[in-house]
Amino acid sequence: MTSPRALLIFGTGDVAELAAYYFEYDFGRSVSAFIVDDEFAESDSWAGKPLVASSRIASEVDPTACDMFVALAYTKMNRLRREKLDWAMAQGFGTTSYVSPRISIFPNVTVGTNCFILEDNTIQPFSRIGDNVTLWSGNHIGHHSIIEDDVFIASQVVVSGGVQVGRGSFIGVNATIRDHVAIGEYSMIGAGVTILGDTGPQSVYAAARTKPHTLKSFDLPGL
């Protein structure tokens, strides 16, 4: 845990396991330890690596020699992930991002720290990705768009050109945002939703559920 630029991951859920895999598979960065809040440190190891309580970590490693990656999802509208990132930086840890080598991105696109950008994203020129942003696989981020800090965008989302996604927002799978729309901070845009105009802060948009047909699959003609 004391090697130069050791990689520590905060979290022990699915996102943390994926982050560890991606960092090692693509960049050869093996995780030195997983970090959790004290009440969740129920053993000494997790996923084959040391598990260390957050109250102990600063006394066990040199924070200036380590990068901490906070691998949490969108709990509390991404505020928990932000809280742990702020804690890590206050302890003096370095931060890092995972940006998949299997994306389309241009040199004038800026990406912040503690970002988790998975494969098959297209990020067009003149876009800006803030800190602590998750882009799951397969999204389109249009030109001149701004994704503010602490945003989580699920898969197959279309963010058209000139869009601003407000801080802390969540956008669900297959959502579509029209060009030059501003999404208010901490908005919840559900799966399959189409947004054609600006949204206010903390707005919630949910698509109508598809109702099942009265026929059963075995009764469909020609099948």
Protein backbone atom coordinates (compact mmCIF):
# COMPACT_ATOMS: atom_id res chain seq x y z
CA MET A 1 0.00 0.00 0.00
CA THR A 2 3.00 2.31 0.06
CA SER A 3 4.16 1.95 -3.56
CA PRO A 4 4.26 5.15 -5.68
CA ARG A 5 0.78 6.29 -6.67
CA ALA A 6 -0.98 3.37 -5.06
CA LEU A 7 -4.63 3.13 -6.08
CA LEU A 8 -7.25 3.00 -3.34
CA ILE A 9 -10.95 2.60 -4.09
CA PHE A 10 -13.65 3.88 -1.78
CA GLY A 11 -16.59 1.47 -1.82
CA THR A 12 -17.32 -2.24 -1.92
CA GLY A 13 -20.35 -2.49 -4.19
CA ASP A 14 -20.71 -3.46 -7.83
CA VAL A 15 -19.35 -0.11 -9.01
CA ALA A 16 -16.22 -0.56 -6.91
CA GLU A 17 -15.65 -4.05 -8.27
CA LEU A 18 -16.09 -2.80 -11.83
CA ALA A 19 -13.77 0.15 -11.26
CA ALA A 20 -11.06 -2.14 -9.91
CA TYR A 21 -11.40 -4.39 -12.95
CA TYR A 22 -11.32 -1.54 -15.46
CA PHE A 23 -8.31 0.19 -13.87
CA GLU A 24 -6.29 -3.01 -13.88
CA TYR A 25 -7.44 -4.34 -17.25
CA ASP A 26 -6.91 -1.13 -19.20
CA PHE A 27 -4.12 0.64 -17.31
CA GLY A 28 -2.41 -2.03 -15.23
CA ARG A 29 -3.29 -0.24 -11.98
CA SER A 30 -3.93 -2.88 -9.36
CA VAL A 31 -5.99 -1.78 -6.37
CA SER A 32 -4.00 -1.68 -3.15
CA ALA A 33 -7.02 -1.60 -0.85
CA PHE A 34 -10.73 -0.88 -0.67
CA ILE A 35 -11.87 1.78 1.79
CA VAL A 36 -15.22 1.98 3.58
CA ASP A 37 -16.76 3.87 6.48
CA ASP A 38 -15.98 2.26 9.80
CA GLU A 39 -19.42 0.69 10.27
CA PHE A 40 -19.01 -1.26 7.01
CA ALA A 41 -15.53 -2.62 7.77
CA GLU A 42 -16.82 -6.03 8.83
CA SER A 43 -13.76 -7.98 7.69
CA ASP A 44 -10.12 -7.42 6.79
CA SER A 45 -10.51 -8.04 3.06
CA TRP A 46 -12.88 -7.69 0.15
CA ALA A 47 -12.57 -9.02 -3.41
CA GLY A 48 -9.14 -10.39 -2.55
CA LYS A 49 -7.76 -7.03 -1.39
CA PRO A 50 -7.32 -5.44 2.05
CA LEU A 51 -10.42 -3.69 3.39
CA VAL A 52 -9.58 -0.67 5.54
CA ALA A 53 -11.84 1.53 7.66
CA SER A 54 -11.76 5.18 6.67
CA SER A 55 -10.68 6.26 10.17
CA ARG A 56 -7.52 4.15 9.85
CA ILE A 57 -6.45 4.75 6.29
CA ALA A 58 -4.57 8.03 6.79
CA SER A 59 -2.45 6.44 9.52
CA GLU A 60 -1.60 3.40 7.38
CA VAL A 61 -0.51 5.08 4.14
CA ASP A 62 1.03 8.34 2.99
CA PRO A 63 -1.92 10.14 1.36
CA THR A 64 0.39 12.14 -0.89
CA ALA A 65 1.61 8.87 -2.46
CA CYS A 66 -1.86 7.50 -3.18
CA ASP A 67 -4.75 8.14 -5.53
CA MET A 68 -8.24 7.60 -4.17
CA PHE A 69 -11.07 6.77 -6.55
CA VAL A 70 -14.58 7.03 -5.10
CA ALA A 71 -16.59 4.26 -6.76
CA LEU A 72 -20.16 4.88 -5.68
CA ALA A 73 -23.36 5.14 -7.71
CA TYR A 74 -26.00 7.89 -7.43
CA THR A 75 -27.17 7.48 -3.83
CA LYS A 76 -28.79 10.65 -2.44
CA MET A 77 -28.72 12.21 -5.92
CA ASN A 78 -24.94 11.76 -6.15
CA ARG A 79 -24.36 13.70 -2.93
CA LEU A 80 -22.86 10.70 -1.13
CA ARG A 81 -20.25 10.25 -3.84
CA ARG A 82 -19.40 13.96 -3.58
CA GLU A 83 -19.18 13.75 0.22
CA LYS A 84 -16.65 10.92 0.05
CA LEU A 85 -14.63 12.66 -2.67
CA ASP A 86 -14.44 15.82 -0.56
CA TRP A 87 -13.34 13.69 2.41
CA ALA A 88 -10.59 12.02 0.37
CA MET A 89 -9.22 15.34 -0.88
CA ALA A 90 -9.36 16.83 2.63
CA GLN A 91 -7.20 13.91 3.81
CA GLY A 92 -4.60 14.84 1.20
CA PHE A 93 -5.15 11.93 -1.19
CA GLY A 94 -4.64 12.42 -4.89
CA THR A 95 -7.58 11.77 -7.19
CA THR A 96 -7.86 10.10 -10.56
CA SER A 97 -10.36 9.24 -13.29
CA TYR A 98 -11.07 6.19 -15.38
CA VAL A 99 -11.64 7.14 -19.02
CA SER A 100 -12.00 4.10 -21.24
CA PRO A 101 -9.66 3.89 -24.23
CA ARG A 102 -12.68 2.58 -26.16
CA ILE A 103 -14.53 5.90 -26.44
CA SER A 104 -14.65 8.62 -29.09
CA ILE A 105 -13.32 11.86 -27.62
CA PHE A 106 -11.52 14.91 -29.00
CA PRO A 107 -8.51 16.86 -27.71
CA ASN A 108 -10.53 19.97 -26.85
CA VAL A 109 -12.87 18.06 -24.53
CA THR A 110 -12.05 18.54 -20.84
CA VAL A 111 -12.71 15.85 -18.25
CA GLY A 112 -12.55 16.43 -14.50
CA THR A 113 -11.35 14.21 -11.68
CA ASN A 114 -13.02 11.15 -10.16
CA CYS A 115 -14.86 10.53 -13.42
CA PHE A 116 -15.90 7.03 -14.48
CA ILE A 117 -16.37 7.03 -18.26
CA LEU A 118 -17.01 3.59 -19.69
CA GLU A 119 -16.70 2.15 -23.17
CA ASP A 120 -18.54 3.30 -26.32
CA ASN A 121 -19.28 6.85 -25.20
CA THR A 122 -19.08 9.51 -27.91
CA ILE A 123 -18.09 12.92 -26.56
CA GLN A 124 -18.11 15.53 -29.29
CA PRO A 125 -15.81 18.57 -29.60
CA PHE A 126 -16.09 21.59 -27.31
CA SER A 127 -17.85 19.58 -24.58
CA ARG A 128 -16.89 19.76 -20.93
CA ILE A 129 -17.22 16.99 -18.35
CA GLY A 130 -17.01 18.18 -14.75
CA ASP A 131 -15.65 16.45 -11.66
CA ASN A 132 -17.15 13.28 -10.19
CA VAL A 133 -19.17 12.41 -13.29
CA THR A 134 -20.20 8.89 -14.28
CA LEU A 135 -20.96 8.13 -17.91
CA TRP A 136 -22.02 4.51 -18.20
CA SER A 137 -21.47 2.80 -21.54
CA GLY A 138 -22.87 3.87 -24.89
CA ASN A 139 -23.90 7.52 -24.45
CA HIS A 140 -23.78 10.42 -26.91
CA ILE A 141 -22.64 13.77 -25.49
CA GLY A 142 -23.20 16.40 -28.15
CA HIS A 143 -20.90 19.25 -29.11
CA HIS A 144 -20.65 22.28 -26.82
CA SER A 145 -22.47 20.45 -24.02
CA ILE A 146 -21.56 20.89 -20.37
CA ILE A 147 -21.97 18.07 -17.88
CA GLU A 148 -21.58 19.72 -14.50
CA ASP A 149 -20.06 18.11 -11.39
CA ASP A 150 -21.53 15.05 -9.66
CA VAL A 151 -23.74 13.89 -12.54
CA PHE A 152 -24.60 10.24 -13.26
CA ILE A 153 -25.68 9.36 -16.81
CA ALA A 154 -26.78 5.78 -17.45
CA SER A 155 -26.45 3.92 -20.76
CA GLN A 156 -27.66 4.85 -24.26
CA VAL A 157 -28.54 8.44 -23.35
CA VAL A 158 -28.55 11.10 -26.08
CA VAL A 159 -27.45 14.52 -24.88
CA SER A 160 -27.78 16.77 -27.93
CA GLY A 161 -25.59 19.73 -28.77
CA GLY A 162 -25.34 22.74 -26.49
CA VAL A 163 -27.00 21.07 -23.50
CA GLN A 164 -26.15 21.92 -19.91
CA VAL A 165 -26.77 19.16 -17.37
CA GLY A 166 -26.95 20.65 -13.89
CA ARG A 167 -24.91 19.48 -10.96
CA GLY A 168 -25.95 16.29 -9.20
CA SER A 169 -28.46 15.21 -11.84
CA PHE A 170 -29.29 11.64 -12.82
CA ILE A 171 -30.29 10.67 -16.37
CA GLY A 172 -31.67 7.17 -16.89
CA VAL A 173 -31.18 4.70 -19.73
CA ASN A 174 -32.39 5.68 -23.20
CA ALA A 175 -33.33 9.23 -22.21
CA THR A 176 -33.06 11.94 -24.86
CA ILE A 177 -32.26 15.60 -24.21
CA ARG A 178 -32.99 18.04 -27.04
CA ASP A 179 -30.33 20.52 -28.15
CA HIS A 180 -29.73 23.73 -26.16
CA VAL A 181 -31.71 22.55 -23.14
CA ALA A 182 -30.66 23.30 -19.56
CA ILE A 183 -31.27 20.58 -16.98
CA GLY A 184 -31.68 22.03 -13.49
CA GLU A 185 -29.36 20.83 -10.75
CA TYR A 186 -30.26 17.57 -9.01
CA SER A 187 -32.87 16.69 -11.62
CA MET A 188 -34.02 13.07 -11.93
CA ILE A 189 -34.65 12.16 -15.56
CA GLY A 190 -36.07 8.65 -15.73
CA ALA A 191 -35.46 5.87 -18.24
CA GLY A 192 -36.82 6.55 -21.71
CA VAL A 193 -37.79 10.16 -21.00
CA THR A 194 -37.56 12.81 -23.72
CA ILE A 195 -36.77 16.33 -22.53
CA LEU A 196 -37.65 19.11 -25.00
CA GLY A 197 -37.27 22.15 -22.74
CA ASP A 198 -35.44 23.45 -19.69
CA THR A 199 -36.08 21.80 -16.32
CA GLY A 200 -36.05 23.42 -12.89
CA PRO A 201 -33.86 22.35 -9.97
CA GLN A 202 -34.72 18.97 -8.40
CA SER A 203 -37.23 18.20 -11.16
CA VAL A 204 -38.43 14.62 -11.58
CA TYR A 205 -39.46 13.26 -14.98
CA ALA A 206 -40.68 9.69 -15.31
CA ALA A 207 -41.88 7.93 -18.45
CA ALA A 208 -45.24 6.17 -18.46
CA ARG A 209 -44.96 2.43 -18.02
CA THR A 210 -45.84 0.25 -20.97
CA LYS A 211 -48.94 -1.76 -20.13
CA PRO A 212 -49.02 -5.48 -21.01
CA HIS A 213 -51.28 -6.53 -23.87
CA THR A 214 -54.36 -8.58 -23.09
CA LEU A 215 -53.04 -11.36 -25.35
CA LYS A 216 -50.48 -13.88 -24.13
CA SER A 217 -47.35 -14.48 -26.21
CA PHE A 218 -48.51 -17.95 -27.23
CA ASP A 219 -51.73 -16.43 -28.63
CA LEU A 220 -50.05 -13.98 -31.00
CA PRO A 221 -50.95 -14.74 -34.62
CA GLY A 222 -48.21 -16.26 -36.72
CA LEU A 223 -46.04 -17.19 -33.75
